[in-house]
Amino acid sequence: MTSKQIIVLAVLIIYMIVNMVVGLKVSHIEKGQKTGSFLQNYFIGGRSMGGLVLAMTLVATYTSASSFLGGPGLAADWGLTQSWVAAIQIGTAFLTLGVLGKKMAIISRRINAVSITDYFKARYNSPAVVILCGLCLVVFFITQMVAQFIGGATLVETVTGLPYWAGLALFGVIVILYTSIGGFKAVVMTDTLQGIIMTIGTFLLLFFVIKAGGGMGEITAQLNATNPGWNLLGKGPFSEGLSTLSPGYMISFWVLVGVGVLGLPQTAVRGMGFKDTQSMHRAMMYGTVVVGILMIGMHFAGALTLPLLPEEGISSTDAVIPYVVMEYMPSVAAGFFLAAPLAAVMSTVSSLLILASATIIKDLYLTYIVKADENDEKVNKKVPVYSTLITIVIGVIVFIFALSPPDIIVWINLFAMGGLEATFFWPLIGGLYWKKGNSTCCIWSIIVGVATFIFFNQVKIAPYHIHEIVFALIAGGIAYFVAGLVSKKEPDKEMIKKCF
């Protein structure tokens, strides 16, 4: 291990320890205050998030390893096309809070919901809906967490020389520990710290890439010579020649990482946890600015790295950014930047862990196994221990799956993301905005949407290069509204009053 690798490793370890200390400190403060029930505090943070914290936790939850490693790595190959694909994500915080935020906040308070499946249980009044949504959530969350664990471990391995398993253990133990002990409040507070680190890291990468390339003029000249058309919308992969990407491909990804995020339960649940309307409005502005900096900055920097790469090329697009950072950035700056993708990974994993735990404990165990509520004395004694244990168990399962990693994390992450959107998009949007939406709509939408998504993903049929998520959302939407119009089942009138 070189001296630079030692310094970078030291910076990363310090950063991870700081996150753990912050998470444990928040947990200690939370226990000292003793306001509200354990379930309210552990899974939704007592609905106390202000504007900055809400913005940062949304940003940190949405960004992931692919935002800092896979996406910018593809931008080195594809040019600014990848930046155009990423640009649609700028409005995601604004869109999520604008469409879901206020209604989720009002309804969740009326029905005392602390998770998305909690909301579904009340809105659709169907055990089948809760169980189906819960199982899909846990399965796709585990898939997405595996991608994040791989990203974190690969990052540590690439830049420090540690074995893959050691990087996985170092990263995994810390994030599982502070999430399982600290709960939602620890997650959102560490998300705020991580959002700040990611923003600073983006500026650092841009600065040192431009400096190493000899300035924008020199970089542009080299890119024009080696990768003609790198700055054109629709330019295909450099490694496959001067091909183009179809409009269907571009629009598909805008659906997947843009409009489709309305169906992500890990971002929708943030709408349940903010303090007041003013906090939501501030978060919409802060979040838009920060996501814009991260997505445009990182992918633009990735597009500029091609002249800095070795002639023999890089083994994987995931390794492009770590190579550039270790080759062209000073040791401390490299360590600080690499804390940014690690922050993205940690924030995504912690959010998924806490929501998966909430689904298993609150929505499945309490409701259908012991059939108790949060006011039950026995429940109050056992649930804290069970919640912590379930969070740890899920983390260990993900750790085991991540020990044998597949190839490119960006595709694993996008598969899990698409699966979640196919499951939850129409039950969420339809439930909030269509009074006729009932359990039949929800079940048919999930079955048809997920089946369509998996079918097109596996058979690799892509007319006009349209991504499978587009077919899944169209099919799921048709199933939802047709079932609602055909079904004679009337939604519960009292619940409709609470939801509308």
Protein backbone atom coordinates (compact mmCIF):
# COMPACT_ATOMS: atom_id res chain seq x y z
CA MET A 1 0.00 0.00 0.00
CA THR A 2 1.45 3.37 -1.06
CA SER A 3 1.62 6.43 1.21
CA LYS A 4 -1.16 8.06 -0.82
CA GLN A 5 -3.41 5.03 -0.35
CA ILE A 6 -2.73 5.09 3.39
CA ILE A 7 -3.71 8.77 3.63
CA VAL A 8 -6.87 8.22 1.55
CA LEU A 9 -7.83 5.21 3.68
CA ALA A 10 -7.28 7.24 6.85
CA VAL A 11 -9.54 10.04 5.56
CA LEU A 12 -12.26 7.54 4.61
CA ILE A 13 -12.09 5.78 7.98
CA ILE A 14 -12.29 9.11 9.85
CA TYR A 15 -15.27 10.09 7.73
CA MET A 16 -17.09 6.82 8.41
CA ILE A 17 -16.39 7.07 12.14
CA VAL A 18 -17.74 10.64 12.18
CA ASN A 19 -20.95 9.37 10.59
CA MET A 20 -21.23 6.62 13.18
CA VAL A 21 -20.63 9.05 16.06
CA VAL A 22 -23.24 11.47 14.69
CA GLY A 23 -25.76 8.66 14.29
CA LEU A 24 -25.18 7.30 17.81
CA LYS A 25 -25.23 10.80 19.32
CA VAL A 26 -28.58 11.52 17.66
CA SER A 27 -29.90 8.23 19.02
CA HIS A 28 -28.78 9.20 22.54
CA ILE A 29 -30.44 12.63 22.31
CA GLU A 30 -33.62 11.07 20.91
CA LYS A 31 -33.88 8.63 23.81
CA GLY A 32 -33.32 11.46 26.29
CA GLN A 33 -36.19 13.50 24.88
CA LYS A 34 -38.75 10.63 24.97
CA THR A 35 -41.35 12.41 22.84
CA GLY A 36 -43.88 10.29 20.98
CA SER A 37 -43.92 6.52 20.58
CA PHE A 38 -40.90 4.44 19.67
CA LEU A 39 -42.36 3.62 16.25
CA GLN A 40 -42.98 7.29 15.44
CA ASN A 41 -39.42 8.24 16.43
CA TYR A 42 -37.51 5.24 15.08
CA PHE A 43 -39.22 5.03 11.69
CA ILE A 44 -40.25 8.64 10.92
CA GLY A 45 -38.15 10.82 13.27
CA GLY A 46 -41.15 12.33 15.08
CA ARG A 47 -42.11 14.29 11.91
CA SER A 48 -39.63 17.01 12.82
CA MET A 49 -37.47 17.60 9.71
CA GLY A 50 -36.76 21.21 8.75
CA GLY A 51 -36.16 22.48 5.20
CA LEU A 52 -32.40 21.88 4.93
CA VAL A 53 -32.52 18.44 6.55
CA LEU A 54 -35.47 17.40 4.36
CA ALA A 55 -33.69 18.59 1.21
CA MET A 56 -30.43 16.87 2.08
CA THR A 57 -32.04 13.58 3.07
CA LEU A 58 -34.00 13.53 -0.19
CA VAL A 59 -30.85 14.27 -2.19
CA ALA A 60 -28.72 11.80 -0.25
CA THR A 61 -31.34 9.08 -0.52
CA TYR A 62 -31.81 9.57 -4.25
CA THR A 63 -28.13 9.78 -5.16
CA SER A 64 -26.16 6.56 -4.94
CA ALA A 65 -22.94 4.84 -6.00
CA SER A 66 -24.04 5.06 -9.63
CA SER A 67 -24.36 8.87 -9.34
CA PHE A 68 -20.66 9.19 -8.46
CA LEU A 69 -19.07 6.12 -10.05
CA GLY A 70 -21.20 4.35 -12.68
CA GLY A 71 -22.88 7.41 -14.26
CA PRO A 72 -19.78 9.63 -14.58
CA GLY A 73 -17.83 6.58 -15.75
CA LEU A 74 -20.33 6.10 -18.57
CA ALA A 75 -20.03 9.82 -19.35
CA ALA A 76 -16.33 9.30 -20.09
CA ASP A 77 -17.39 6.78 -22.74
CA TRP A 78 -20.59 8.41 -24.02
CA GLY A 79 -19.72 12.08 -23.67
CA LEU A 80 -22.34 14.66 -22.73
CA THR A 81 -25.19 12.31 -23.67
CA GLN A 82 -24.88 10.84 -20.20
CA SER A 83 -25.10 14.36 -18.76
CA TRP A 84 -28.34 14.94 -20.68
CA VAL A 85 -29.71 11.69 -19.28
CA ALA A 86 -28.74 12.78 -15.76
CA ALA A 87 -30.08 16.34 -16.20
CA ILE A 88 -33.70 15.23 -15.82
CA GLN A 89 -32.90 14.39 -12.20
CA ILE A 90 -32.48 18.06 -11.31
CA GLY A 91 -36.20 18.49 -10.72
CA THR A 92 -36.75 15.29 -8.75
CA ALA A 93 -36.75 16.85 -5.27
CA PHE A 94 -39.14 19.57 -6.47
CA LEU A 95 -41.34 17.00 -8.23
CA THR A 96 -41.45 14.54 -5.33
CA LEU A 97 -42.37 17.12 -2.71
CA GLY A 98 -44.67 19.03 -5.06
CA VAL A 99 -46.73 15.99 -6.05
CA LEU A 100 -46.46 13.77 -2.96
CA GLY A 101 -45.15 15.92 -0.12
CA LYS A 102 -48.10 17.91 1.22
CA LYS A 103 -50.75 15.22 0.69
CA MET A 104 -48.54 12.53 2.26
CA ALA A 105 -47.85 14.80 5.25
CA ILE A 106 -51.54 15.57 5.86
CA ILE A 107 -52.82 12.04 5.32
CA SER A 108 -50.05 10.32 7.31
CA ARG A 109 -50.83 12.52 10.32
CA ARG A 110 -54.55 11.77 10.06
CA ILE A 111 -54.07 8.01 9.88
CA ASN A 112 -50.88 7.86 12.02
CA ALA A 113 -48.82 6.27 9.22
CA VAL A 114 -45.05 5.92 9.56
CA SER A 115 -44.31 4.01 6.33
CA ILE A 116 -45.60 3.74 2.78
CA THR A 117 -47.18 0.34 3.37
CA ASP A 118 -48.78 1.85 6.49
CA TYR A 119 -50.45 4.32 4.14
CA PHE A 120 -51.48 1.55 1.71
CA LYS A 121 -52.99 -0.45 4.58
CA ALA A 122 -55.24 2.47 5.51
CA ARG A 123 -56.01 3.71 1.97
CA TYR A 124 -56.80 0.34 0.36
CA ASN A 125 -57.94 -1.59 3.47
CA SER A 126 -56.58 -4.89 2.17
CA PRO A 127 -54.15 -7.38 3.76
CA ALA A 128 -53.27 -8.62 0.25
CA VAL A 129 -52.13 -5.13 -0.78
CA VAL A 130 -49.99 -4.71 2.34
CA ILE A 131 -48.34 -8.13 2.02
CA LEU A 132 -47.75 -7.77 -1.74
CA CYS A 133 -46.30 -4.26 -1.38
CA GLY A 134 -44.22 -5.32 1.61
CA LEU A 135 -42.68 -8.31 -0.18
CA CYS A 136 -41.90 -6.30 -3.34
CA LEU A 137 -40.38 -3.53 -1.26
CA VAL A 138 -38.08 -5.84 0.69
CA VAL A 139 -36.97 -7.80 -2.41
CA PHE A 140 -36.16 -4.74 -4.53
CA PHE A 141 -34.63 -2.90 -1.56
CA ILE A 142 -32.27 -5.80 -0.92
CA THR A 143 -31.31 -5.77 -4.62
CA GLN A 144 -30.64 -2.03 -4.49
CA MET A 145 -28.68 -2.32 -1.24
CA VAL A 146 -26.52 -5.06 -2.74
CA ALA A 147 -25.59 -2.61 -5.53
CA GLN A 148 -24.70 0.03 -2.93
CA PHE A 149 -22.63 -2.37 -0.83
CA ILE A 150 -20.76 -3.44 -3.96
CA GLY A 151 -20.16 0.21 -4.83
CA GLY A 152 -18.82 1.06 -1.38
CA ALA A 153 -16.59 -2.01 -1.17
CA THR A 154 -15.28 -1.60 -4.75
CA LEU A 155 -14.46 2.02 -4.03
CA VAL A 156 -12.46 1.17 -0.91
CA GLU A 157 -10.74 -1.72 -2.71
CA THR A 158 -9.83 0.34 -5.78
CA VAL A 159 -8.38 3.35 -4.00
CA THR A 160 -6.72 1.74 -0.97
CA GLY A 161 -5.63 -1.70 -2.16
CA LEU A 162 -7.53 -3.45 0.64
CA PRO A 163 -9.15 -6.78 -0.30
CA TYR A 164 -12.75 -6.47 -1.52
CA TRP A 165 -14.13 -8.32 1.51
CA ALA A 166 -12.26 -6.03 3.91
CA GLY A 167 -13.65 -2.91 2.24
CA LEU A 168 -17.12 -4.46 2.34
CA ALA A 169 -16.79 -5.27 6.06
CA LEU A 170 -15.42 -1.81 6.94
CA PHE A 171 -18.19 0.01 5.14
CA GLY A 172 -20.99 -2.42 5.96
CA VAL A 173 -20.43 -2.67 9.72
CA ILE A 174 -20.46 1.08 10.24
CA VAL A 175 -23.57 1.84 8.19
CA ILE A 176 -25.52 -1.08 9.69
CA LEU A 177 -24.49 -0.07 13.20
CA TYR A 178 -25.55 3.57 13.16
CA THR A 179 -28.75 2.84 11.21
CA SER A 180 -29.93 0.00 13.46
CA ILE A 181 -29.22 1.89 16.68
CA GLY A 182 -30.12 5.44 15.64
CA GLY A 183 -33.20 4.90 13.48
CA PHE A 184 -34.73 7.48 11.11
CA LYS A 185 -33.41 10.55 12.93
CA ALA A 186 -29.84 9.22 12.73
CA VAL A 187 -30.37 8.49 9.03
CA VAL A 188 -31.58 11.99 8.13
CA MET A 189 -28.91 13.76 10.23
CA THR A 190 -26.10 11.74 8.67
CA ASP A 191 -27.78 12.32 5.28
CA THR A 192 -27.40 16.08 5.85
CA LEU A 193 -23.69 15.68 6.56
CA GLN A 194 -23.32 13.41 3.54
CA GLY A 195 -25.18 15.82 1.25
CA ILE A 196 -22.73 18.59 2.17
CA ILE A 197 -19.75 16.28 1.57
CA MET A 198 -21.14 15.22 -1.84
CA THR A 199 -21.58 18.84 -2.92
CA ILE A 200 -18.04 19.85 -1.94
CA GLY A 201 -16.66 16.66 -3.51
CA THR A 202 -18.30 17.49 -6.86
CA PHE A 203 -16.56 20.88 -7.01
CA LEU A 204 -13.26 19.25 -6.06
CA LEU A 205 -13.48 16.72 -8.90
CA LEU A 206 -14.35 19.38 -11.49
CA PHE A 207 -11.47 21.59 -10.38
CA PHE A 208 -8.79 18.89 -10.46
CA VAL A 209 -10.01 17.27 -13.71
CA ILE A 210 -9.88 20.62 -15.54
CA LYS A 211 -6.51 21.40 -13.97
CA ALA A 212 -5.04 18.00 -14.91
CA GLY A 213 -6.34 18.32 -18.47
CA GLY A 214 -4.63 21.68 -18.99
CA GLY A 215 -7.81 23.78 -18.95
CA MET A 216 -11.11 23.56 -20.81
CA GLY A 217 -9.62 24.61 -24.14
CA GLU A 218 -7.05 21.82 -24.16
CA ILE A 219 -9.54 19.19 -22.91
CA THR A 220 -12.10 20.19 -25.55
CA ALA A 221 -9.49 19.96 -28.33
CA GLN A 222 -8.44 16.48 -27.23
CA LEU A 223 -12.04 15.27 -26.94
CA ASN A 224 -12.87 16.62 -30.41
CA ALA A 225 -9.91 14.69 -31.81
CA THR A 226 -10.35 11.40 -29.93
CA ASN A 227 -14.12 11.22 -29.46
CA PRO A 228 -15.86 13.28 -32.18
CA GLY A 229 -19.39 14.28 -31.30
CA TRP A 230 -18.77 13.88 -27.56
CA ASN A 231 -20.75 17.07 -26.91
CA LEU A 232 -23.82 16.11 -29.00
CA LEU A 233 -27.12 14.92 -27.57
CA GLY A 234 -27.65 11.27 -28.47
CA LYS A 235 -23.96 10.38 -29.03
CA GLY A 236 -23.45 6.66 -28.43
CA PRO A 237 -20.59 4.89 -26.60
CA PHE A 238 -17.07 5.86 -27.71
CA SER A 239 -15.93 2.27 -27.16
CA GLU A 240 -18.44 1.09 -29.78
CA GLY A 241 -17.65 3.73 -32.40
CA LEU A 242 -19.51 6.88 -33.42
CA SER A 243 -23.01 5.47 -32.95
CA THR A 244 -26.08 7.31 -31.74
CA LEU A 245 -28.65 6.65 -29.08
CA SER A 246 -32.28 6.66 -30.15
CA PRO A 247 -34.85 9.14 -28.81
CA GLY A 248 -36.66 6.14 -27.32
CA TYR A 249 -33.60 5.28 -25.23
CA MET A 250 -33.18 8.86 -24.00
CA ILE A 251 -36.85 9.37 -23.15
CA SER A 252 -36.94 6.01 -21.37
CA PHE A 253 -34.18 7.00 -19.00
CA TRP A 254 -35.84 10.35 -18.39
CA VAL A 255 -38.88 8.36 -17.27
CA LEU A 256 -36.79 5.98 -15.14
CA VAL A 257 -34.75 8.61 -13.28
CA GLY A 258 -37.20 11.50 -13.62
CA VAL A 259 -40.98 11.10 -13.45
CA GLY A 260 -40.66 7.53 -12.22
CA VAL A 261 -39.07 8.58 -8.90
CA LEU A 262 -42.59 9.44 -7.72
CA GLY A 263 -42.93 5.69 -7.25
CA LEU A 264 -39.87 5.27 -5.01
CA PRO A 265 -41.05 4.56 -1.44
CA GLN A 266 -37.75 5.72 0.09
CA THR A 267 -38.31 9.25 -1.25
CA ALA A 268 -42.11 9.28 -0.84
CA VAL A 269 -41.77 8.45 2.87
CA ARG A 270 -39.86 11.72 3.34
CA GLY A 271 -43.18 13.44 2.75
CA MET A 272 -44.36 11.99 6.06
CA GLY A 273 -41.50 13.32 8.13
CA PHE A 274 -41.18 17.09 7.62
CA LYS A 275 -42.22 19.62 10.23
CA ASP A 276 -44.46 22.08 8.35
CA THR A 277 -45.33 23.49 4.90
CA GLN A 278 -42.61 26.14 5.10
CA SER A 279 -40.01 23.40 5.62
CA MET A 280 -41.34 21.59 2.53
CA HIS A 281 -41.14 24.73 0.35
CA ARG A 282 -37.58 25.42 1.46
CA ALA A 283 -36.61 21.81 0.80
CA MET A 284 -38.02 22.04 -2.74
CA MET A 285 -35.65 24.95 -3.49
CA TYR A 286 -32.59 23.63 -1.65
CA GLY A 287 -33.02 20.14 -3.08
CA THR A 288 -33.30 21.36 -6.68
CA VAL A 289 -30.09 23.39 -6.39
CA VAL A 290 -28.09 20.60 -4.73
CA VAL A 291 -29.28 17.85 -7.12
CA GLY A 292 -28.42 20.15 -10.04
CA ILE A 293 -24.88 20.64 -8.74
CA LEU A 294 -24.37 16.93 -8.12
CA MET A 295 -25.85 15.51 -11.31
CA ILE A 296 -24.61 18.05 -13.83
CA GLY A 297 -21.29 18.57 -12.07
CA MET A 298 -20.40 14.88 -11.69
CA HIS A 299 -21.47 13.80 -15.16
CA PHE A 300 -19.86 16.81 -16.83
CA ALA A 301 -16.63 16.06 -14.98
CA GLY A 302 -16.92 12.43 -16.08
CA ALA A 303 -17.26 13.48 -19.73
CA LEU A 304 -14.01 15.48 -19.42
CA THR A 305 -11.94 12.58 -18.05
CA LEU A 306 -11.37 10.69 -21.33
CA PRO A 307 -8.05 12.45 -22.15
CA LEU A 308 -6.80 11.59 -18.64
CA LEU A 309 -7.32 7.85 -18.98
CA PRO A 310 -4.48 5.44 -19.96
CA GLU A 311 -4.22 4.40 -23.62
CA GLU A 312 -4.90 0.77 -22.79
CA GLY A 313 -8.21 1.86 -21.27
CA ILE A 314 -9.93 1.05 -17.99
CA SER A 315 -11.30 -2.38 -17.05
CA SER A 316 -14.72 -1.03 -16.13
CA THR A 317 -16.55 2.30 -16.32
CA ASP A 318 -17.01 2.00 -12.54
CA ALA A 319 -13.23 2.37 -12.16
CA VAL A 320 -12.88 5.60 -14.21
CA ILE A 321 -13.51 8.11 -11.41
CA PRO A 322 -11.42 6.28 -8.76
CA TYR A 323 -8.53 6.07 -11.29
CA VAL A 324 -8.67 9.80 -12.09
CA VAL A 325 -8.96 10.77 -8.44
CA MET A 326 -6.00 8.65 -7.32
CA GLU A 327 -3.88 9.66 -10.31
CA TYR A 328 -4.48 13.41 -10.44
CA MET A 329 -5.70 14.64 -7.03
CA PRO A 330 -3.55 15.34 -3.93
CA SER A 331 -3.87 12.75 -1.16
CA VAL A 332 -6.10 14.64 1.30
CA ALA A 333 -8.27 16.08 -1.50
CA ALA A 334 -8.59 12.57 -3.01
CA GLY A 335 -9.67 11.17 0.34
CA PHE A 336 -12.17 13.98 0.83
CA PHE A 337 -13.63 13.52 -2.65
CA LEU A 338 -13.88 9.75 -2.31
CA ALA A 339 -15.87 10.34 0.87
CA ALA A 340 -18.56 11.77 -1.47
CA PRO A 341 -19.47 8.53 -3.32
CA LEU A 342 -19.07 6.70 -0.03
CA ALA A 343 -21.52 9.21 1.46
CA ALA A 344 -23.97 8.55 -1.39
CA VAL A 345 -23.69 4.82 -0.79
CA MET A 346 -24.07 5.10 2.99
CA SER A 347 -27.07 7.44 2.79
CA THR A 348 -28.89 5.23 0.30
CA VAL A 349 -28.24 2.05 2.29
CA SER A 350 -29.29 3.61 5.60
CA SER A 351 -32.56 4.89 4.12
CA LEU A 352 -33.40 1.55 2.51
CA LEU A 353 -32.49 -0.35 5.67
CA ILE A 354 -34.74 1.70 7.93
CA LEU A 355 -37.69 1.51 5.53
CA ALA A 356 -37.29 -2.24 5.00
CA SER A 357 -37.19 -2.68 8.77
CA ALA A 358 -40.33 -0.53 9.16
CA THR A 359 -42.13 -2.67 6.58
CA ILE A 360 -41.29 -5.95 8.28
CA ILE A 361 -41.91 -4.81 11.87
CA LYS A 362 -44.72 -2.27 11.57
CA ASP A 363 -46.59 -3.43 8.49
CA LEU A 364 -46.18 -7.22 8.61
CA TYR A 365 -45.16 -8.39 12.11
CA LEU A 366 -47.36 -6.11 14.25
CA THR A 367 -50.34 -6.15 11.90
CA TYR A 368 -50.57 -9.76 10.79
CA ILE A 369 -48.47 -11.87 13.17
CA VAL A 370 -49.03 -10.52 16.71
CA LYS A 371 -52.00 -8.33 15.65
CA ALA A 372 -51.13 -5.52 18.06
CA ASP A 373 -50.77 -1.76 17.87
CA GLU A 374 -48.14 0.67 19.15
CA ASN A 375 -50.15 1.41 22.32
CA ASP A 376 -49.82 -2.16 23.53
CA GLU A 377 -47.46 -2.27 26.54
CA LYS A 378 -45.89 -5.58 25.57
CA VAL A 379 -45.28 -4.26 22.06
CA ASN A 380 -43.57 -1.13 23.38
CA LYS A 381 -41.16 -3.32 25.33
CA LYS A 382 -40.29 -5.72 22.51
CA VAL A 383 -40.46 -3.60 19.33
CA PRO A 384 -37.27 -1.55 19.95
CA VAL A 385 -35.21 -4.74 20.23
CA TYR A 386 -36.96 -6.39 17.28
CA SER A 387 -36.55 -3.30 15.08
CA THR A 388 -32.83 -3.10 15.81
CA LEU A 389 -32.37 -6.84 15.21
CA ILE A 390 -34.33 -6.85 11.94
CA THR A 391 -32.28 -3.90 10.64
CA ILE A 392 -29.08 -5.78 11.48
CA VAL A 393 -30.33 -9.03 9.92
CA ILE A 394 -31.29 -7.32 6.66
CA GLY A 395 -27.88 -5.62 6.59
CA VAL A 396 -26.11 -8.97 7.10
CA ILE A 397 -28.16 -10.60 4.31
CA VAL A 398 -27.18 -7.80 1.93
CA PHE A 399 -23.54 -8.14 3.04
CA ILE A 400 -23.57 -11.87 2.18
CA PHE A 401 -25.10 -11.27 -1.28
CA ALA A 402 -22.53 -8.54 -1.97
CA LEU A 403 -19.57 -10.88 -1.32
CA SER A 404 -19.88 -12.20 -4.91
CA PRO A 405 -20.52 -9.02 -6.93
CA PRO A 406 -21.91 -8.84 -10.49
CA ASP A 407 -20.26 -6.55 -13.05
CA ILE A 408 -21.64 -3.00 -13.33
CA ILE A 409 -23.35 -1.44 -10.31
CA VAL A 410 -25.23 1.16 -12.34
CA TRP A 411 -27.33 -1.53 -14.08
CA ILE A 412 -28.09 -3.42 -10.84
CA ASN A 413 -29.18 -0.16 -9.23
CA LEU A 414 -31.38 0.78 -12.21
CA PHE A 415 -33.03 -2.67 -12.22
CA ALA A 416 -33.98 -2.34 -8.55
CA MET A 417 -35.10 1.24 -9.11
CA GLY A 418 -37.32 0.18 -12.03
CA GLY A 419 -38.82 -2.66 -10.00
CA LEU A 420 -39.76 -0.30 -7.19
CA GLU A 421 -41.32 2.17 -9.64
CA ALA A 422 -43.31 -0.60 -11.37
CA THR A 423 -44.61 -1.68 -7.96
CA PHE A 424 -45.45 1.60 -6.25
CA PHE A 425 -45.97 4.32 -8.89
CA TRP A 426 -49.68 3.82 -9.60
CA PRO A 427 -50.75 2.68 -6.09
CA LEU A 428 -49.17 5.90 -4.76
CA ILE A 429 -50.35 8.36 -7.43
CA GLY A 430 -53.75 6.72 -7.90
CA GLY A 431 -54.31 6.43 -4.17
CA LEU A 432 -53.57 10.11 -3.60
CA TYR A 433 -55.42 11.58 -6.58
CA TRP A 434 -58.18 9.16 -7.69
CA LYS A 435 -61.09 8.54 -5.34
CA LYS A 436 -62.17 5.37 -7.15
CA GLY A 437 -58.83 3.70 -6.53
CA ASN A 438 -59.37 0.51 -4.51
CA SER A 439 -57.51 -2.65 -3.50
CA THR A 440 -58.39 -4.38 -6.79
CA CYS A 441 -56.74 -1.53 -8.73
CA CYS A 442 -53.65 -1.73 -6.54
CA ILE A 443 -53.19 -5.49 -6.78
CA TRP A 444 -53.68 -5.64 -10.54
CA SER A 445 -51.40 -2.66 -11.10
CA ILE A 446 -48.57 -4.25 -9.10
CA ILE A 447 -48.93 -7.71 -10.69
CA VAL A 448 -49.17 -6.40 -14.26
CA GLY A 449 -46.53 -3.67 -13.79
CA VAL A 450 -43.89 -5.88 -12.15
CA ALA A 451 -44.55 -8.82 -14.53
CA THR A 452 -44.20 -6.51 -17.55
CA PHE A 453 -40.99 -5.01 -16.16
CA ILE A 454 -39.37 -8.38 -15.48
CA PHE A 455 -40.55 -9.84 -18.82
CA PHE A 456 -39.03 -7.06 -20.95
CA ASN A 457 -35.90 -7.01 -18.77
CA GLN A 458 -35.30 -10.73 -19.21
CA VAL A 459 -36.24 -11.30 -22.86
CA LYS A 460 -34.30 -8.17 -23.91
CA ILE A 461 -37.05 -6.98 -26.27
CA ALA A 462 -36.65 -3.21 -26.64
CA PRO A 463 -38.54 -1.69 -29.58
CA TYR A 464 -36.90 1.63 -30.51
CA HIS A 465 -34.53 1.02 -27.55
CA ILE A 466 -37.31 1.86 -25.10
CA HIS A 467 -36.46 0.83 -21.53
CA GLU A 468 -38.67 -1.77 -19.85
CA ILE A 469 -39.84 0.72 -17.20
CA VAL A 470 -41.87 2.60 -19.83
CA PHE A 471 -43.82 -0.54 -20.76
CA ALA A 472 -44.22 -1.42 -17.07
CA LEU A 473 -45.66 1.98 -16.12
CA ILE A 474 -48.01 2.03 -19.13
CA ALA A 475 -49.24 -1.51 -18.45
CA GLY A 476 -49.52 -0.89 -14.71
CA GLY A 477 -51.45 2.35 -15.29
CA ILE A 478 -53.91 0.69 -17.67
CA ALA A 479 -54.42 -2.15 -15.17
CA TYR A 480 -54.99 0.29 -12.29
CA PHE A 481 -57.61 2.46 -13.99
CA VAL A 482 -59.40 -0.33 -15.90
CA ALA A 483 -59.69 -2.35 -12.69
CA GLY A 484 -61.07 0.70 -10.93
CA LEU A 485 -63.70 1.33 -13.59
CA VAL A 486 -64.72 -2.33 -13.88
CA SER A 487 -64.60 -3.21 -10.18
CA LYS A 488 -67.78 -2.73 -8.17
CA LYS A 489 -65.87 -2.52 -4.90
CA GLU A 490 -66.31 0.89 -3.28
CA PRO A 491 -63.45 2.40 -1.26
CA ASP A 492 -64.14 3.06 2.43
CA LYS A 493 -65.97 6.40 2.64
CA GLU A 494 -64.40 7.44 5.95
CA MET A 495 -60.93 6.77 4.59
CA ILE A 496 -61.70 8.69 1.40
CA LYS A 497 -62.61 11.70 3.58
CA LYS A 498 -59.26 11.46 5.37
CA CYS A 499 -57.34 11.09 2.10
CA PHE A 500 -59.20 13.78 0.13
